[in-house]
């Protein structure tokens, strides 16, 4: 019983990391590029670093939403089905 709960919790954490990884990776990449552009141009406006990152992360989230829902539905089915 306890082993099943631990396995379920482990699967939930791994699924959460898996579905968030693409959005976070895009946010990191765009944030890094925006920082490089700001450093190169000398314009240090927080708005110019935040907005592109927000737009890119939102677009990525919308693009991967079907895949994300499928992964979460599989996790829920595993929870309902049990061992």
Protein backbone atom coordinates (compact mmCIF):
# COMPACT_ATOMS: atom_id res chain seq x y z
CA UNK A 1 0.00 0.00 0.00
CA UNK A 2 2.70 2.50 0.99
CA UNK A 3 4.86 1.44 -1.96
CA UNK A 4 1.98 2.18 -4.33
CA UNK A 5 1.57 5.65 -2.87
CA UNK A 6 5.28 6.37 -3.16
CA UNK A 7 5.29 5.17 -6.78
CA UNK A 8 2.23 7.29 -7.57
CA UNK A 9 3.82 10.36 -6.01
CA UNK A 10 7.05 9.76 -7.91
CA UNK A 11 5.12 9.44 -11.19
CA UNK A 12 3.22 12.66 -10.42
CA UNK A 13 6.42 14.62 -9.74
CA UNK A 14 8.14 13.26 -12.86
CA UNK A 15 5.10 14.02 -15.01
CA UNK A 16 4.95 17.55 -13.62
CA UNK A 17 8.61 18.11 -14.43
CA UNK A 18 8.15 16.60 -17.90
CA UNK A 19 5.22 18.82 -18.86
CA UNK A 20 6.80 22.01 -17.48
CA UNK A 21 10.26 21.45 -18.96
CA UNK A 22 9.51 22.75 -22.51
CA UNK A 23 7.91 25.97 -21.23
CA UNK A 24 10.73 26.61 -18.78
CA UNK A 25 13.39 25.85 -21.40
CA UNK A 26 11.86 28.33 -23.84
CA UNK A 27 11.61 30.93 -21.08
CA UNK A 28 15.26 30.41 -20.19
CA UNK A 29 16.38 30.62 -23.82
CA UNK A 30 14.39 33.74 -24.63
CA UNK A 31 15.43 35.37 -21.35
CA UNK A 32 19.06 34.68 -22.12
CA UNK A 33 18.76 36.10 -25.63
CA UNK A 34 16.95 39.17 -24.34
CA UNK A 35 19.66 39.67 -21.75
CA UNK A 36 22.38 39.42 -24.39
CA UNK A 37 20.59 41.93 -26.59
CA UNK A 38 20.14 44.31 -23.67
CA UNK A 39 23.80 43.97 -22.74
CA UNK A 40 24.91 44.55 -26.31
CA UNK A 41 22.73 47.61 -26.83
CA UNK A 42 23.06 49.11 -23.37
CA UNK A 43 19.28 49.30 -22.96
CA UNK A 44 18.44 47.92 -19.53
CA UNK A 45 14.68 48.15 -19.47
CA UNK A 46 13.00 45.36 -17.46
CA UNK A 47 9.98 45.52 -19.75
CA UNK A 48 12.11 44.48 -22.75
CA UNK A 49 13.30 41.37 -20.95
CA UNK A 50 9.97 40.33 -19.48
CA UNK A 51 7.51 40.72 -22.34
CA UNK A 52 9.30 38.57 -24.97
CA UNK A 53 9.82 35.86 -22.38
CA UNK A 54 6.15 35.96 -21.38
CA UNK A 55 4.95 35.83 -24.99
CA UNK A 56 7.30 32.97 -25.90
CA UNK A 57 6.31 30.94 -22.84
CA UNK A 58 2.60 31.50 -23.49
CA UNK A 59 2.98 30.49 -27.15
CA UNK A 60 4.89 27.37 -26.15
CA UNK A 61 2.23 26.49 -23.60
CA UNK A 62 -0.51 26.83 -26.22
CA UNK A 63 1.46 24.74 -28.73
CA UNK A 64 2.15 21.87 -26.33
CA UNK A 65 -1.25 21.96 -24.62
CA UNK A 66 -2.65 18.86 -26.39
CA UNK A 67 0.45 16.85 -25.47
CA UNK A 68 0.36 18.21 -21.93
CA UNK A 69 -3.28 17.24 -21.44
CA UNK A 70 -2.56 13.77 -22.81
CA UNK A 71 0.29 13.23 -20.31
CA UNK A 72 -1.85 14.45 -17.41
CA UNK A 73 -4.78 12.27 -18.52
CA UNK A 74 -2.48 9.23 -18.56
CA UNK A 75 -1.36 10.06 -15.04
CA UNK A 76 -4.97 10.37 -13.89
CA UNK A 77 -5.87 7.05 -15.52
CA UNK A 78 -2.95 5.42 -13.72
CA UNK A 79 -4.21 6.91 -10.44
CA UNK A 80 -7.73 5.62 -10.99
CA UNK A 81 -6.65 2.18 -12.23
CA UNK A 82 -4.38 1.56 -9.28
CA UNK A 83 -1.86 -1.26 -9.09
